[in-house]
Amino acid sequence: MDKAKVQAVIDEIRPMLQADGGDIELVDVEQDGVVKVKLTGACGGCPMAQMTLQMGVQRRLKKDFPDLKQVISV
């Protein structure tokens, strides 16, 4: 997975999170198919953050990157 291409998809997702007072930052794209992100703002302490990460961010990234294994928050 190309980090710039992953960043482009993250940039598409960001406005939805920002509308709720949160944000997302791409930290790393590892060769084993793991994408590391940092949730900030309201997303950083939200009890629904894990669901947002799995059902929103990971699902969207898997559309463009079928070899993606996991998105984790660091």
PDB file of N, CA and C in Angstrom:
ATOM      1  N   MET A   1       0.845  -1.182   0.000  1.00  0.00           N
ATOM      2  CA  MET A   1       0.000   0.000   0.000  1.00  0.00           C
ATOM      3  C   MET A   1       0.882   1.235   0.000  1.00  0.00           C
ATOM      4  N   ASP A   2       0.535   2.159  -0.809  1.00  0.00           N
ATOM      5  CA  ASP A   2       1.267   3.412  -0.934  1.00  0.00           C
ATOM      6  C   ASP A   2       0.748   4.406   0.116  1.00  0.00           C
ATOM      7  N   LYS A   3       1.655   4.940   0.908  1.00  0.00           N
ATOM      8  CA  LYS A   3       1.258   5.852   1.994  1.00  0.00           C
ATOM      9  C   LYS A   3       0.518   7.079   1.460  1.00  0.00           C
ATOM     10  N   ALA A   4       0.947   7.603   0.321  1.00  0.00           N
ATOM     11  CA  ALA A   4       0.285   8.788  -0.248  1.00  0.00           C
ATOM     12  C   ALA A   4      -1.150   8.470  -0.654  1.00  0.00           C
ATOM     13  N   LYS A   5      -1.363   7.265  -1.179  1.00  0.00           N
ATOM     14  CA  LYS A   5      -2.727   6.882  -1.579  1.00  0.00           C
ATOM     15  C   LYS A   5      -3.614   6.659  -0.364  1.00  0.00           C
ATOM     16  N   VAL A   6      -3.050   6.070   0.684  1.00  0.00           N
ATOM     17  CA  VAL A   6      -3.804   5.900   1.933  1.00  0.00           C
ATOM     18  C   VAL A   6      -4.142   7.270   2.508  1.00  0.00           C
ATOM     19  N   GLN A   7      -3.190   8.201   2.467  1.00  0.00           N
ATOM     20  CA  GLN A   7      -3.426   9.555   2.972  1.00  0.00           C
ATOM     21  C   GLN A   7      -4.561  10.228   2.206  1.00  0.00           C
ATOM     22  N   ALA A   8      -4.625  10.005   0.895  1.00  0.00           N
ATOM     23  CA  ALA A   8      -5.695  10.600   0.088  1.00  0.00           C
ATOM     24  C   ALA A   8      -7.066  10.108   0.537  1.00  0.00           C
ATOM     25  N   VAL A   9      -7.182   8.840   0.879  1.00  0.00           N
ATOM     26  CA  VAL A   9      -8.452   8.305   1.364  1.00  0.00           C
ATOM     27  C   VAL A   9      -8.758   8.858   2.756  1.00  0.00           C
ATOM     28  N   ILE A  10      -7.746   8.936   3.613  1.00  0.00           N
ATOM     29  CA  ILE A  10      -7.928   9.527   4.948  1.00  0.00           C
ATOM     30  C   ILE A  10      -8.433  10.964   4.806  1.00  0.00           C
ATOM     31  N   ASP A  11      -7.897  11.704   3.837  1.00  0.00           N
ATOM     32  CA  ASP A  11      -8.326  13.079   3.613  1.00  0.00           C
ATOM     33  C   ASP A  11      -9.792  13.160   3.196  1.00  0.00           C
ATOM     34  N   GLU A  12     -10.307  12.113   2.545  1.00  0.00           N
ATOM     35  CA  GLU A  12     -11.728  12.066   2.191  1.00  0.00           C
ATOM     36  C   GLU A  12     -12.602  11.825   3.424  1.00  0.00           C
ATOM     37  N   ILE A  13     -12.078  11.077   4.378  1.00  0.00           N
ATOM     38  CA  ILE A  13     -12.813  10.720   5.592  1.00  0.00           C
ATOM     39  C   ILE A  13     -12.821  11.862   6.607  1.00  0.00           C
ATOM     40  N   ARG A  14     -11.768  12.635   6.649  1.00  0.00           N
ATOM     41  CA  ARG A  14     -11.571  13.675   7.669  1.00  0.00           C
ATOM     42  C   ARG A  14     -12.744  14.629   7.852  1.00  0.00           C
ATOM     43  N   PRO A  15     -13.363  15.151   6.783  1.00  0.00           N
ATOM     44  CA  PRO A  15     -14.458  16.101   6.998  1.00  0.00           C
ATOM     45  C   PRO A  15     -15.623  15.529   7.818  1.00  0.00           C
ATOM     46  N   MET A  16     -15.889  14.245   7.682  1.00  0.00           N
ATOM     47  CA  MET A  16     -16.965  13.620   8.467  1.00  0.00           C
ATOM     48  C   MET A  16     -16.626  13.614   9.950  1.00  0.00           C
ATOM     49  N   LEU A  17     -15.370  13.324  10.267  1.00  0.00           N
ATOM     50  CA  LEU A  17     -14.954  13.328  11.668  1.00  0.00           C
ATOM     51  C   LEU A  17     -14.876  14.750  12.210  1.00  0.00           C
ATOM     52  N   GLN A  18     -14.405  15.669  11.381  1.00  0.00           N
ATOM     53  CA  GLN A  18     -14.294  17.062  11.803  1.00  0.00           C
ATOM     54  C   GLN A  18     -15.662  17.675  12.069  1.00  0.00           C
ATOM     55  N   ALA A  19     -16.684  17.208  11.374  1.00  0.00           N
ATOM     56  CA  ALA A  19     -18.037  17.721  11.584  1.00  0.00           C
ATOM     57  C   ALA A  19     -18.535  17.396  12.990  1.00  0.00           C
ATOM     58  N   ASP A  20     -17.985  16.332  13.595  1.00  0.00           N
ATOM     59  CA  ASP A  20     -18.359  15.948  14.952  1.00  0.00           C
ATOM     60  C   ASP A  20     -17.341  16.397  15.991  1.00  0.00           C
ATOM     61  N   GLY A  21     -16.401  17.254  15.594  1.00  0.00           N
ATOM     62  CA  GLY A  21     -15.424  17.795  16.527  1.00  0.00           C
ATOM     63  C   GLY A  21     -14.170  16.959  16.686  1.00  0.00           C
ATOM     64  N   GLY A  22     -13.998  15.956  15.828  1.00  0.00           N
ATOM     65  CA  GLY A  22     -12.819  15.098  15.909  1.00  0.00           C
ATOM     66  C   GLY A  22     -11.934  15.265  14.693  1.00  0.00           C
ATOM     67  N   ASP A  23     -10.940  14.424  14.608  1.00  0.00           N
ATOM     68  CA  ASP A  23     -10.033  14.429  13.459  1.00  0.00           C
ATOM     69  C   ASP A  23      -9.264  13.115  13.446  1.00  0.00           C
ATOM     70  N   ILE A  24      -8.605  12.860  12.339  1.00  0.00           N
ATOM     71  CA  ILE A  24      -7.808  11.655  12.178  1.00  0.00           C
ATOM     72  C   ILE A  24      -6.505  12.023  11.486  1.00  0.00           C
ATOM     73  N   GLU A  25      -5.441  11.392  11.926  1.00  0.00           N
ATOM     74  CA  GLU A  25      -4.114  11.650  11.365  1.00  0.00           C
ATOM     75  C   GLU A  25      -3.469  10.312  11.016  1.00  0.00           C
ATOM     76  N   LEU A  26      -2.949  10.193   9.816  1.00  0.00           N
ATOM     77  CA  LEU A  26      -2.249   8.984   9.405  1.00  0.00           C
ATOM     78  C   LEU A  26      -0.869   8.977  10.050  1.00  0.00           C
ATOM     79  N   VAL A  27      -0.549   7.902  10.768  1.00  0.00           N
ATOM     80  CA  VAL A  27       0.737   7.786  11.442  1.00  0.00           C
ATOM     81  C   VAL A  27       1.695   6.936  10.613  1.00  0.00           C
ATOM     82  N   ASP A  28       1.229   5.769  10.147  1.00  0.00           N
ATOM     83  CA  ASP A  28       2.122   4.875   9.418  1.00  0.00           C
ATOM     84  C   ASP A  28       1.321   3.869   8.604  1.00  0.00           C
ATOM     85  N   VAL A  29       1.918   3.410   7.535  1.00  0.00           N
ATOM     86  CA  VAL A  29       1.385   2.307   6.733  1.00  0.00           C
ATOM     87  C   VAL A  29       2.471   1.241   6.734  1.00  0.00           C
ATOM     88  N   GLU A  30       2.185   0.122   7.372  1.00  0.00           N
ATOM     89  CA  GLU A  30       3.179  -0.934   7.494  1.00  0.00           C
ATOM     90  C   GLU A  30       3.063  -1.924   6.346  1.00  0.00           C
ATOM     91  N   GLN A  31       4.154  -2.592   6.049  1.00  0.00           N
ATOM     92  CA  GLN A  31       4.208  -3.534   4.936  1.00  0.00           C
ATOM     93  C   GLN A  31       3.307  -4.750   5.134  1.00  0.00           C
ATOM     94  N   ASP A  32       2.959  -5.059   6.384  1.00  0.00           N
ATOM     95  CA  ASP A  32       2.129  -6.236   6.654  1.00  0.00           C
ATOM     96  C   ASP A  32       0.630  -5.951   6.536  1.00  0.00           C
ATOM     97  N   GLY A  33       0.272  -4.765   6.015  1.00  0.00           N
ATOM     98  CA  GLY A  33      -1.141  -4.450   5.797  1.00  0.00           C
ATOM     99  C   GLY A  33      -1.820  -3.767   6.959  1.00  0.00           C
ATOM    100  N   VAL A  34      -1.061  -3.254   7.901  1.00  0.00           N
ATOM    101  CA  VAL A  34      -1.612  -2.553   9.054  1.00  0.00           C
ATOM    102  C   VAL A  34      -1.426  -1.047   8.851  1.00  0.00           C
ATOM    103  N   VAL A  35      -2.512  -0.310   9.046  1.00  0.00           N
ATOM    104  CA  VAL A  35      -2.476   1.150   8.961  1.00  0.00           C
ATOM    105  C   VAL A  35      -2.647   1.691  10.378  1.00  0.00           C
ATOM    106  N   LYS A  36      -1.745   2.571  10.778  1.00  0.00           N
ATOM    107  CA  LYS A  36      -1.816   3.183  12.104  1.00  0.00           C
ATOM    108  C   LYS A  36      -2.290   4.621  11.953  1.00  0.00           C
ATOM    109  N   VAL A  37      -3.296   4.965  12.746  1.00  0.00           N
ATOM    110  CA  VAL A  37      -3.839   6.323  12.727  1.00  0.00           C
ATOM    111  C   VAL A  37      -3.923   6.844  14.155  1.00  0.00           C
ATOM    112  N   LYS A  38      -4.073   8.151  14.256  1.00  0.00           N
ATOM    113  CA  LYS A  38      -4.275   8.782  15.556  1.00  0.00           C
ATOM    114  C   LYS A  38      -5.578   9.550  15.488  1.00  0.00           C
ATOM    115  N   LEU A  39      -6.501   9.221  16.389  1.00  0.00           N
ATOM    116  CA  LEU A  39      -7.765   9.950  16.485  1.00  0.00           C
ATOM    117  C   LEU A  39      -7.564  11.082  17.483  1.00  0.00           C
ATOM    118  N   THR A  40      -7.970  12.279  17.092  1.00  0.00           N
ATOM    119  CA  THR A  40      -7.771  13.445  17.949  1.00  0.00           C
ATOM    120  C   THR A  40      -9.096  14.178  18.143  1.00  0.00           C
ATOM    121  N   GLY A  41      -9.037  15.216  18.958  1.00  0.00           N
ATOM    122  CA  GLY A  41     -10.235  16.005  19.224  1.00  0.00           C
ATOM    123  C   GLY A  41     -11.271  15.159  19.946  1.00  0.00           C
ATOM    124  N   ALA A  42     -12.530  15.352  19.589  1.00  0.00           N
ATOM    125  CA  ALA A  42     -13.618  14.613  20.226  1.00  0.00           C
ATOM    126  C   ALA A  42     -13.486  13.112  20.000  1.00  0.00           C
ATOM    127  N   CYS A  43     -12.866  12.716  18.902  1.00  0.00           N
ATOM    128  CA  CYS A  43     -12.699  11.279  18.607  1.00  0.00           C
ATOM    129  C   CYS A  43     -11.706  10.623  19.550  1.00  0.00           C
ATOM    130  N   GLY A  44     -10.768  11.389  20.070  1.00  0.00           N
ATOM    131  CA  GLY A  44      -9.732  10.827  20.924  1.00  0.00           C
ATOM    132  C   GLY A  44     -10.263  10.209  22.199  1.00  0.00           C
ATOM    133  N   GLY A  45     -11.312  10.762  22.762  1.00  0.00           N
ATOM    134  CA  GLY A  45     -11.852  10.232  24.012  1.00  0.00           C
ATOM    135  C   GLY A  45     -13.261   9.679  23.876  1.00  0.00           C
ATOM    136  N   CYS A  46     -13.737   9.543  22.673  1.00  0.00           N
ATOM    137  CA  CYS A  46     -15.106   9.088  22.443  1.00  0.00           C
ATOM    138  C   CYS A  46     -15.233   7.584  22.668  1.00  0.00           C
ATOM    139  N   PRO A  47     -16.272   7.150  23.389  1.00  0.00           N
ATOM    140  CA  PRO A  47     -16.468   5.718  23.581  1.00  0.00           C
ATOM    141  C   PRO A  47     -16.815   4.969  22.288  1.00  0.00           C
ATOM    142  N   MET A  48     -17.244   5.677  21.260  1.00  0.00           N
ATOM    143  CA  MET A  48     -17.587   5.065  19.986  1.00  0.00           C
ATOM    144  C   MET A  48     -16.412   5.085  19.002  1.00  0.00           C
ATOM    145  N   ALA A  49     -15.254   5.543  19.446  1.00  0.00           N
ATOM    146  CA  ALA A  49     -14.100   5.693  18.549  1.00  0.00           C
ATOM    147  C   ALA A  49     -13.695   4.370  17.910  1.00  0.00           C
ATOM    148  N   GLN A  50     -13.738   3.280  18.666  1.00  0.00           N
ATOM    149  CA  GLN A  50     -13.337   1.986  18.109  1.00  0.00           C
ATOM    150  C   GLN A  50     -14.298   1.559  17.008  1.00  0.00           C
ATOM    151  N   MET A  51     -15.580   1.818  17.192  1.00  0.00           N
ATOM    152  CA  MET A  51     -16.557   1.470  16.160  1.00  0.00           C
ATOM    153  C   MET A  51     -16.348   2.342  14.924  1.00  0.00           C
ATOM    154  N   THR A  52     -16.073   3.614  15.128  1.00  0.00           N
ATOM    155  CA  THR A  52     -15.788   4.513  14.012  1.00  0.00           C
ATOM    156  C   THR A  52     -14.581   4.014  13.240  1.00  0.00           C
ATOM    157  N   LEU A  53     -13.572   3.583  13.964  1.00  0.00           N
ATOM    158  CA  LEU A  53     -12.350   3.092  13.341  1.00  0.00           C
ATOM    159  C   LEU A  53     -12.621   1.843  12.505  1.00  0.00           C
ATOM    160  N   GLN A  54     -13.369   0.896  13.063  1.00  0.00           N
ATOM    161  CA  GLN A  54     -13.625  -0.369  12.366  1.00  0.00           C
ATOM    162  C   GLN A  54     -14.675  -0.233  11.269  1.00  0.00           C
ATOM    163  N   MET A  55     -15.814   0.336  11.599  1.00  0.00           N
ATOM    164  CA  MET A  55     -16.938   0.370  10.665  1.00  0.00           C
ATOM    165  C   MET A  55     -16.849   1.518   9.665  1.00  0.00           C
ATOM    166  N   GLY A  56     -16.137   2.560  10.019  1.00  0.00           N
ATOM    167  CA  GLY A  56     -16.013   3.701   9.120  1.00  0.00           C
ATOM    168  C   GLY A  56     -14.688   3.728   8.375  1.00  0.00           C
ATOM    169  N   VAL A  57     -13.626   3.959   9.106  1.00  0.00           N
ATOM    170  CA  VAL A  57     -12.305   4.151   8.502  1.00  0.00           C
ATOM    171  C   VAL A  57     -11.804   2.866   7.834  1.00  0.00           C
ATOM    172  N   GLN A  58     -11.808   1.760   8.577  1.00  0.00           N
ATOM    173  CA  GLN A  58     -11.282   0.515   8.027  1.00  0.00           C
ATOM    174  C   GLN A  58     -12.109   0.043   6.832  1.00  0.00           C
ATOM    175  N   ARG A  59     -13.424   0.136   6.933  1.00  0.00           N
ATOM    176  CA  ARG A  59     -14.285  -0.291   5.828  1.00  0.00           C
ATOM    177  C   ARG A  59     -14.011   0.530   4.576  1.00  0.00           C
ATOM    178  N   ARG A  60     -13.846   1.833   4.746  1.00  0.00           N
ATOM    179  CA  ARG A  60     -13.582   2.704   3.598  1.00  0.00           C
ATOM    180  C   ARG A  60     -12.229   2.399   2.976  1.00  0.00           C
ATOM    181  N   LEU A  61     -11.214   2.203   3.790  1.00  0.00           N
ATOM    182  CA  LEU A  61      -9.885   1.903   3.268  1.00  0.00           C
ATOM    183  C   LEU A  61      -9.848   0.552   2.551  1.00  0.00           C
ATOM    184  N   LYS A  62     -10.602  -0.425   3.052  1.00  0.00           N
ATOM    185  CA  LYS A  62     -10.609  -1.749   2.423  1.00  0.00           C
ATOM    186  C   LYS A  62     -11.212  -1.712   1.017  1.00  0.00           C
ATOM    187  N   LYS A  63     -12.065  -0.732   0.753  1.00  0.00           N
ATOM    188  CA  LYS A  63     -12.605  -0.601  -0.600  1.00  0.00           C
ATOM    189  C   LYS A  63     -11.493  -0.365  -1.610  1.00  0.00           C
ATOM    190  N   ASP A  64     -10.530   0.465  -1.257  1.00  0.00           N
ATOM    191  CA  ASP A  64      -9.431   0.796  -2.165  1.00  0.00           C
ATOM    192  C   ASP A  64      -8.211  -0.098  -1.981  1.00  0.00           C
ATOM    193  N   PHE A  65      -8.094  -0.698  -0.803  1.00  0.00           N
ATOM    194  CA  PHE A  65      -6.920  -1.506  -0.480  1.00  0.00           C
ATOM    195  C   PHE A  65      -7.367  -2.855   0.082  1.00  0.00           C
ATOM    196  N   PRO A  66      -7.747  -3.788  -0.788  1.00  0.00           N
ATOM    197  CA  PRO A  66      -8.253  -5.075  -0.314  1.00  0.00           C
ATOM    198  C   PRO A  66      -7.239  -5.878   0.500  1.00  0.00           C
ATOM    199  N   ASP A  67      -5.949  -5.582   0.350  1.00  0.00           N
ATOM    200  CA  ASP A  67      -4.926  -6.293   1.126  1.00  0.00           C
ATOM    201  C   ASP A  67      -4.750  -5.730   2.543  1.00  0.00           C
ATOM    202  N   LEU A  68      -5.514  -4.690   2.885  1.00  0.00           N
ATOM    203  CA  LEU A  68      -5.474  -4.104   4.217  1.00  0.00           C
ATOM    204  C   LEU A  68      -5.938  -5.137   5.244  1.00  0.00           C
ATOM    205  N   LYS A  69      -5.161  -5.297   6.301  1.00  0.00           N
ATOM    206  CA  LYS A  69      -5.525  -6.254   7.347  1.00  0.00           C
ATOM    207  C   LYS A  69      -6.251  -5.578   8.498  1.00  0.00           C
ATOM    208  N   GLN A  70      -5.748  -4.395   8.896  1.00  0.00           N
ATOM    209  CA  GLN A  70      -6.277  -3.782  10.101  1.00  0.00           C
ATOM    210  C   GLN A  70      -5.926  -2.301  10.157  1.00  0.00           C
ATOM    211  N   VAL A  71      -6.811  -1.535  10.757  1.00  0.00           N
ATOM    212  CA  VAL A  71      -6.532  -0.142  11.079  1.00  0.00           C
ATOM    213  C   VAL A  71      -6.512  -0.053  12.598  1.00  0.00           C
ATOM    214  N   ILE A  72      -5.429   0.463  13.152  1.00  0.00           N
ATOM    215  CA  ILE A  72      -5.335   0.578  14.602  1.00  0.00           C
ATOM    216  C   ILE A  72      -5.047   2.024  14.988  1.00  0.00           C
ATOM    217  N   SER A  73      -5.543   2.369  16.165  1.00  0.00           N
ATOM    218  CA  SER A  73      -5.314   3.705  16.710  1.00  0.00           C
ATOM    219  C   SER A  73      -4.121   3.647  17.648  1.00  0.00           C
ATOM    220  N   VAL A  74      -3.216   4.601  17.473  1.00  0.00           N
ATOM    221  CA  VAL A  74      -2.022   4.654  18.324  1.00  0.00           C
ATOM    222  C   VAL A  74      -1.986   5.947  19.105  1.00  0.00           C
TER     223      VAL A  74
END
